[in-house]
Amino acid sequence: MIARRELLGTAMLSSVMSGGGTVDVTEKQAGDMIAAIKDLKTALDNQRLFNEITRVRERMVEFLRSQGKFPDFIEVGSDLWMDAYDWHVRHLQPLNVGRDLQGRYTLAFMATTLILRPESNPNFMGPAYDNR
């Protein structure tokens, strides 16, 4: 498989794309270029899947459907916390990390605050709830 930087940096692709002459491309080279372009498309498509935050978003949507608003809080284990943190970093979103009155770490995620429960199972997710 050809890395996309390798593909885009090759003189062969540059001359094919510029139309400045003809280049003989073997069937294997053409197949490699097609595979690299498909890999690039898959990578771009996967950027919109947000796999790392799917569970949190599902919990938020469940609450939204039942209450007509997003929850104020969801308590999560360390793995879900790190996934949400990494999502912010990966998508260049501002991080708003703090602590609540009990000293637990909080992370603003859309309209909901995630509360880290380090003593829980790493994949723990508590029920969504309001400030009331």
N, C-alpha and C. Protein backbone atom coordinates (compact mmCIF):
# COMPACT_ATOMS: atom_id res chain seq x y z
N MET A 1 0.83 -1.17 0.00
CA MET A 1 0.00 0.00 0.00
C MET A 1 0.89 1.24 0.00
N ILE A 2 0.50 2.25 -0.74
CA ILE A 2 1.25 3.50 -0.83
C ILE A 2 0.62 4.50 0.14
N ALA A 3 1.45 5.13 0.96
CA ALA A 3 0.95 6.17 1.85
C ALA A 3 0.50 7.36 1.01
N ARG A 4 -0.50 8.08 1.48
CA ARG A 4 -1.02 9.18 0.66
C ARG A 4 0.02 10.27 0.44
N ARG A 5 0.92 10.52 1.41
CA ARG A 5 1.98 11.50 1.19
C ARG A 5 2.91 11.04 0.07
N GLU A 6 3.19 9.73 0.08
CA GLU A 6 4.05 9.16 -0.94
C GLU A 6 3.39 9.29 -2.30
N LEU A 7 2.07 9.00 -2.35
CA LEU A 7 1.34 9.09 -3.62
C LEU A 7 1.31 10.52 -4.12
N LEU A 8 0.96 11.45 -3.24
CA LEU A 8 0.82 12.84 -3.67
C LEU A 8 2.17 13.48 -3.97
N GLY A 9 3.23 12.94 -3.42
CA GLY A 9 4.55 13.52 -3.64
C GLY A 9 5.28 12.93 -4.84
N THR A 10 4.73 11.95 -5.48
CA THR A 10 5.45 11.31 -6.59
C THR A 10 5.40 12.17 -7.84
N ALA A 11 6.47 12.13 -8.56
CA ALA A 11 6.54 12.85 -9.83
C ALA A 11 5.56 12.27 -10.82
N MET A 12 5.32 10.95 -10.72
CA MET A 12 4.41 10.29 -11.64
C MET A 12 3.01 10.88 -11.51
N LEU A 13 2.52 11.00 -10.30
CA LEU A 13 1.18 11.53 -10.11
C LEU A 13 1.13 13.00 -10.50
N SER A 14 2.18 13.74 -10.18
CA SER A 14 2.21 15.16 -10.53
C SER A 14 2.10 15.35 -12.03
N SER A 15 2.82 14.55 -12.79
CA SER A 15 2.77 14.72 -14.23
C SER A 15 1.45 14.22 -14.81
N VAL A 16 0.86 13.19 -14.20
CA VAL A 16 -0.44 12.72 -14.67
C VAL A 16 -1.50 13.77 -14.39
N MET A 17 -1.46 14.38 -13.19
CA MET A 17 -2.46 15.36 -12.80
C MET A 17 -2.30 16.67 -13.56
N SER A 18 -1.08 17.04 -13.91
CA SER A 18 -0.86 18.31 -14.59
C SER A 18 -1.19 18.25 -16.06
N GLY A 19 -1.26 17.06 -16.61
CA GLY A 19 -1.55 16.94 -18.03
C GLY A 19 -0.38 17.36 -18.89
N GLY A 20 0.77 17.53 -18.32
CA GLY A 20 1.94 18.00 -19.05
C GLY A 20 2.70 16.86 -19.68
N GLY A 21 2.07 16.09 -20.49
CA GLY A 21 2.75 14.98 -21.15
C GLY A 21 2.11 13.67 -20.76
N THR A 22 2.55 12.64 -21.41
CA THR A 22 1.99 11.33 -21.12
C THR A 22 2.97 10.54 -20.28
N VAL A 23 2.43 9.71 -19.44
CA VAL A 23 3.24 8.85 -18.60
C VAL A 23 2.68 7.45 -18.72
N ASP A 24 3.57 6.51 -18.96
CA ASP A 24 3.13 5.12 -19.04
C ASP A 24 3.02 4.60 -17.61
N VAL A 25 1.83 4.16 -17.25
CA VAL A 25 1.58 3.65 -15.91
C VAL A 25 1.24 2.18 -16.05
N THR A 26 1.97 1.37 -15.31
CA THR A 26 1.67 -0.07 -15.37
C THR A 26 0.37 -0.34 -14.64
N GLU A 27 -0.17 -1.51 -14.89
CA GLU A 27 -1.43 -1.89 -14.24
C GLU A 27 -1.26 -1.94 -12.73
N LYS A 28 -0.11 -2.42 -12.26
CA LYS A 28 0.14 -2.48 -10.82
C LYS A 28 0.22 -1.08 -10.23
N GLN A 29 0.90 -0.15 -10.91
CA GLN A 29 0.99 1.22 -10.41
C GLN A 29 -0.39 1.88 -10.37
N ALA A 30 -1.18 1.65 -11.40
CA ALA A 30 -2.54 2.21 -11.43
C ALA A 30 -3.37 1.62 -10.28
N GLY A 31 -3.22 0.33 -10.03
CA GLY A 31 -3.93 -0.31 -8.92
C GLY A 31 -3.51 0.26 -7.59
N ASP A 32 -2.18 0.50 -7.44
CA ASP A 32 -1.68 1.10 -6.21
C ASP A 32 -2.24 2.51 -6.00
N MET A 33 -2.32 3.28 -7.10
CA MET A 33 -2.87 4.63 -6.99
C MET A 33 -4.35 4.58 -6.61
N ILE A 34 -5.09 3.67 -7.21
CA ILE A 34 -6.51 3.54 -6.89
C ILE A 34 -6.70 3.13 -5.43
N ALA A 35 -5.90 2.18 -4.97
CA ALA A 35 -5.99 1.74 -3.58
C ALA A 35 -5.65 2.88 -2.62
N ALA A 36 -4.64 3.68 -2.95
CA ALA A 36 -4.26 4.80 -2.10
C ALA A 36 -5.37 5.85 -2.05
N ILE A 37 -6.00 6.10 -3.18
CA ILE A 37 -7.11 7.06 -3.21
C ILE A 37 -8.29 6.54 -2.40
N LYS A 38 -8.57 5.23 -2.48
CA LYS A 38 -9.64 4.64 -1.68
C LYS A 38 -9.32 4.72 -0.19
N ASP A 39 -8.04 4.48 0.17
CA ASP A 39 -7.62 4.60 1.57
C ASP A 39 -7.81 6.03 2.07
N LEU A 40 -7.50 6.99 1.22
CA LEU A 40 -7.68 8.40 1.58
C LEU A 40 -9.15 8.71 1.79
N LYS A 41 -10.02 8.20 0.92
CA LYS A 41 -11.46 8.40 1.06
C LYS A 41 -11.96 7.77 2.35
N THR A 42 -11.50 6.57 2.66
CA THR A 42 -11.90 5.90 3.91
C THR A 42 -11.46 6.70 5.12
N ALA A 43 -10.24 7.22 5.08
CA ALA A 43 -9.72 8.01 6.20
C ALA A 43 -10.56 9.27 6.40
N LEU A 44 -10.94 9.91 5.30
CA LEU A 44 -11.77 11.12 5.40
C LEU A 44 -13.17 10.78 5.91
N ASP A 45 -13.74 9.68 5.44
CA ASP A 45 -15.06 9.25 5.91
C ASP A 45 -15.04 8.91 7.39
N ASN A 46 -13.97 8.26 7.86
CA ASN A 46 -13.88 7.86 9.26
C ASN A 46 -13.75 9.05 10.21
N GLN A 47 -13.32 10.20 9.70
CA GLN A 47 -13.20 11.38 10.55
C GLN A 47 -14.56 11.85 11.05
N ARG A 48 -15.63 11.49 10.34
CA ARG A 48 -16.97 11.93 10.73
C ARG A 48 -17.72 10.88 11.54
N LEU A 49 -17.11 9.73 11.83
CA LEU A 49 -17.81 8.68 12.56
C LEU A 49 -17.82 8.89 14.06
N PHE A 50 -16.80 9.51 14.61
CA PHE A 50 -16.70 9.80 16.03
C PHE A 50 -16.91 8.54 16.88
N ASN A 51 -16.25 7.45 16.49
CA ASN A 51 -16.39 6.19 17.22
C ASN A 51 -16.07 6.31 18.70
N GLU A 52 -15.11 7.15 19.02
CA GLU A 52 -14.67 7.24 20.41
C GLU A 52 -15.72 7.85 21.34
N ILE A 53 -16.68 8.59 20.80
CA ILE A 53 -17.69 9.24 21.66
C ILE A 53 -19.10 8.72 21.40
N THR A 54 -19.22 7.64 20.66
CA THR A 54 -20.54 7.13 20.29
C THR A 54 -21.40 6.82 21.51
N ARG A 55 -20.85 6.13 22.49
CA ARG A 55 -21.65 5.75 23.67
C ARG A 55 -22.15 6.98 24.43
N VAL A 56 -21.30 7.98 24.58
CA VAL A 56 -21.71 9.18 25.29
C VAL A 56 -22.80 9.90 24.52
N ARG A 57 -22.64 10.00 23.22
CA ARG A 57 -23.66 10.67 22.40
C ARG A 57 -24.99 9.93 22.45
N GLU A 58 -24.95 8.60 22.45
CA GLU A 58 -26.19 7.83 22.54
C GLU A 58 -26.92 8.13 23.84
N ARG A 59 -26.17 8.19 24.95
CA ARG A 59 -26.77 8.49 26.25
C ARG A 59 -27.38 9.89 26.24
N MET A 60 -26.68 10.84 25.62
CA MET A 60 -27.17 12.21 25.54
C MET A 60 -28.46 12.28 24.72
N VAL A 61 -28.51 11.53 23.62
CA VAL A 61 -29.70 11.55 22.75
C VAL A 61 -30.88 10.88 23.46
N GLU A 62 -30.64 9.81 24.20
CA GLU A 62 -31.71 9.18 24.98
C GLU A 62 -32.33 10.20 25.94
N PHE A 63 -31.48 10.94 26.64
CA PHE A 63 -31.95 11.94 27.58
C PHE A 63 -32.69 13.05 26.85
N LEU A 64 -32.16 13.48 25.72
CA LEU A 64 -32.77 14.54 24.93
C LEU A 64 -34.19 14.14 24.50
N ARG A 65 -34.34 12.91 24.07
CA ARG A 65 -35.67 12.44 23.63
C ARG A 65 -36.67 12.40 24.78
N SER A 66 -36.20 11.99 25.95
CA SER A 66 -37.14 11.87 27.08
C SER A 66 -37.39 13.20 27.80
N GLN A 67 -36.40 14.08 27.85
CA GLN A 67 -36.52 15.32 28.62
C GLN A 67 -36.63 16.59 27.78
N GLY A 68 -36.35 16.47 26.49
CA GLY A 68 -36.44 17.65 25.62
C GLY A 68 -35.24 18.57 25.73
N LYS A 69 -34.18 18.13 26.37
CA LYS A 69 -32.94 18.91 26.49
C LYS A 69 -31.78 17.95 26.72
N PHE A 70 -30.57 18.46 26.50
CA PHE A 70 -29.41 17.64 26.79
C PHE A 70 -29.20 17.55 28.30
N PRO A 71 -28.61 16.46 28.78
CA PRO A 71 -28.37 16.36 30.21
C PRO A 71 -27.29 17.33 30.66
N ASP A 72 -27.36 17.71 31.92
CA ASP A 72 -26.32 18.57 32.48
C ASP A 72 -25.06 17.77 32.79
N PHE A 73 -25.24 16.51 33.24
CA PHE A 73 -24.10 15.72 33.68
C PHE A 73 -24.24 14.26 33.27
N ILE A 74 -23.09 13.64 33.02
CA ILE A 74 -22.98 12.19 32.87
C ILE A 74 -21.67 11.79 33.56
N GLU A 75 -21.75 10.83 34.47
CA GLU A 75 -20.54 10.33 35.11
C GLU A 75 -19.97 9.21 34.27
N VAL A 76 -18.64 9.23 34.04
CA VAL A 76 -18.00 8.26 33.17
C VAL A 76 -16.72 7.72 33.81
N GLY A 77 -16.31 6.53 33.36
CA GLY A 77 -15.05 5.94 33.78
C GLY A 77 -13.89 6.54 33.00
N SER A 78 -12.70 6.09 33.34
CA SER A 78 -11.49 6.69 32.77
C SER A 78 -11.35 6.49 31.26
N ASP A 79 -11.76 5.34 30.72
CA ASP A 79 -11.65 5.13 29.28
C ASP A 79 -12.55 6.08 28.50
N LEU A 80 -13.79 6.23 28.93
CA LEU A 80 -14.71 7.14 28.24
C LEU A 80 -14.26 8.59 28.40
N TRP A 81 -13.71 8.91 29.56
CA TRP A 81 -13.18 10.25 29.79
C TRP A 81 -12.04 10.55 28.80
N MET A 82 -11.10 9.61 28.71
CA MET A 82 -9.96 9.80 27.80
C MET A 82 -10.41 9.85 26.35
N ASP A 83 -11.41 9.05 26.00
CA ASP A 83 -11.94 9.09 24.63
C ASP A 83 -12.51 10.46 24.30
N ALA A 84 -13.27 11.03 25.23
CA ALA A 84 -13.84 12.37 25.01
C ALA A 84 -12.73 13.42 24.95
N TYR A 85 -11.75 13.28 25.82
CA TYR A 85 -10.61 14.21 25.83
C TYR A 85 -9.87 14.13 24.49
N ASP A 86 -9.58 12.90 24.04
CA ASP A 86 -8.88 12.71 22.77
C ASP A 86 -9.69 13.24 21.60
N TRP A 87 -11.01 13.10 21.66
CA TRP A 87 -11.87 13.61 20.60
C TRP A 87 -11.70 15.12 20.49
N HIS A 88 -11.67 15.82 21.61
CA HIS A 88 -11.47 17.27 21.59
C HIS A 88 -10.13 17.62 20.94
N VAL A 89 -9.09 16.90 21.32
CA VAL A 89 -7.75 17.17 20.78
C VAL A 89 -7.71 16.87 19.28
N ARG A 90 -8.22 15.71 18.88
CA ARG A 90 -8.18 15.29 17.49
C ARG A 90 -8.93 16.25 16.57
N HIS A 91 -10.04 16.78 17.04
CA HIS A 91 -10.87 17.64 16.20
C HIS A 91 -10.69 19.12 16.52
N LEU A 92 -9.60 19.42 17.23
CA LEU A 92 -9.21 20.80 17.52
C LEU A 92 -10.33 21.58 18.21
N GLN A 93 -11.04 20.93 19.12
CA GLN A 93 -12.09 21.58 19.88
C GLN A 93 -11.50 22.11 21.18
N PRO A 94 -12.02 23.22 21.67
CA PRO A 94 -11.47 23.76 22.92
C PRO A 94 -11.75 22.82 24.09
N LEU A 95 -10.75 22.67 24.94
CA LEU A 95 -10.89 21.83 26.13
C LEU A 95 -11.28 22.70 27.31
N ASN A 96 -12.31 22.27 28.02
CA ASN A 96 -12.73 22.97 29.22
C ASN A 96 -12.77 21.96 30.35
N VAL A 97 -11.61 21.76 30.98
CA VAL A 97 -11.46 20.79 32.06
C VAL A 97 -11.47 21.55 33.38
N GLY A 98 -12.18 21.01 34.36
CA GLY A 98 -12.24 21.65 35.66
C GLY A 98 -12.43 20.61 36.75
N ARG A 99 -12.87 21.08 37.91
CA ARG A 99 -13.17 20.19 39.04
C ARG A 99 -14.49 20.65 39.65
N ASP A 100 -15.25 19.67 40.14
CA ASP A 100 -16.49 20.02 40.81
C ASP A 100 -16.23 20.25 42.30
N LEU A 101 -17.28 20.48 43.06
CA LEU A 101 -17.12 20.77 44.49
C LEU A 101 -16.56 19.60 45.27
N GLN A 102 -16.68 18.39 44.74
CA GLN A 102 -16.14 17.21 45.40
C GLN A 102 -14.72 16.89 44.94
N GLY A 103 -14.17 17.72 44.07
CA GLY A 103 -12.80 17.53 43.60
C GLY A 103 -12.68 16.60 42.40
N ARG A 104 -13.82 16.17 41.84
CA ARG A 104 -13.75 15.27 40.68
C ARG A 104 -13.53 16.09 39.42
N TYR A 105 -12.78 15.52 38.48
CA TYR A 105 -12.52 16.20 37.22
C TYR A 105 -13.79 16.28 36.39
N THR A 106 -13.96 17.40 35.71
CA THR A 106 -15.10 17.60 34.81
C THR A 106 -14.58 18.02 33.44
N LEU A 107 -15.34 17.67 32.42
CA LEU A 107 -15.00 18.03 31.04
C LEU A 107 -16.27 18.45 30.34
N ALA A 108 -16.30 19.69 29.86
CA ALA A 108 -17.46 20.17 29.11
C ALA A 108 -17.46 19.48 27.75
N PHE A 109 -18.57 18.82 27.45
CA PHE A 109 -18.72 18.12 26.18
C PHE A 109 -20.07 18.52 25.59
N MET A 110 -20.04 19.38 24.59
CA MET A 110 -21.24 19.97 24.02
C MET A 110 -22.01 20.67 25.14
N ALA A 111 -23.26 20.32 25.37
CA ALA A 111 -24.07 20.96 26.40
C ALA A 111 -24.07 20.17 27.70
N THR A 112 -23.21 19.17 27.79
CA THR A 112 -23.17 18.26 28.94
C THR A 112 -21.79 18.30 29.57
N THR A 113 -21.74 18.12 30.87
CA THR A 113 -20.47 18.03 31.57
C THR A 113 -20.23 16.57 31.94
N LEU A 114 -19.10 16.04 31.51
CA LEU A 114 -18.71 14.69 31.89
C LEU A 114 -17.95 14.76 33.21
N ILE A 115 -18.29 13.88 34.11
CA ILE A 115 -17.63 13.83 35.42
C ILE A 115 -16.85 12.53 35.50
N LEU A 116 -15.55 12.64 35.73
CA LEU A 116 -14.69 11.46 35.80
C LEU A 116 -14.90 10.73 37.13
N ARG A 117 -15.14 9.43 37.02
CA ARG A 117 -15.26 8.56 38.20
C ARG A 117 -14.12 7.54 38.13
N PRO A 118 -12.92 7.91 38.58
CA PRO A 118 -11.75 7.04 38.43
C PRO A 118 -11.85 5.73 39.22
N GLU A 119 -12.67 5.70 40.25
CA GLU A 119 -12.81 4.48 41.04
C GLU A 119 -13.72 3.45 40.36
N SER A 120 -14.41 3.86 39.32
CA SER A 120 -15.32 2.97 38.60
C SER A 120 -14.59 2.18 37.53
N ASN A 121 -15.30 1.23 36.97
CA ASN A 121 -14.81 0.48 35.81
C ASN A 121 -14.41 1.48 34.72
N PRO A 122 -13.31 1.26 34.00
CA PRO A 122 -12.89 2.22 32.96
C PRO A 122 -13.96 2.50 31.90
N ASN A 123 -14.85 1.54 31.65
CA ASN A 123 -15.92 1.76 30.66
C ASN A 123 -17.25 2.15 31.29
N PHE A 124 -17.22 2.50 32.56
CA PHE A 124 -18.44 2.89 33.28
C PHE A 124 -19.08 4.14 32.67
N MET A 125 -20.41 4.11 32.57
CA MET A 125 -21.15 5.31 32.21
C MET A 125 -22.42 5.31 33.05
N GLY A 126 -22.55 6.30 33.89
CA GLY A 126 -23.72 6.43 34.72
C GLY A 126 -24.88 7.03 33.96
N PRO A 127 -26.02 7.13 34.61
CA PRO A 127 -27.17 7.73 33.94
C PRO A 127 -26.96 9.23 33.75
N ALA A 128 -27.57 9.75 32.70
CA ALA A 128 -27.53 11.19 32.46
C ALA A 128 -28.50 11.85 33.43
N TYR A 129 -28.12 13.02 33.95
CA TYR A 129 -29.02 13.70 34.88
C TYR A 129 -28.85 15.21 34.80
N ASP A 130 -29.84 15.91 35.37
CA ASP A 130 -29.86 17.37 35.39
C ASP A 130 -29.32 17.92 36.69
N ASN A 131 -29.08 19.19 36.69
CA ASN A 131 -28.59 19.92 37.85
C ASN A 131 -29.66 20.03 38.94
N ARG A 132 -30.91 19.87 38.57
CA ARG A 132 -32.01 20.06 39.52
C ARG A 132 -32.03 19.06 40.61
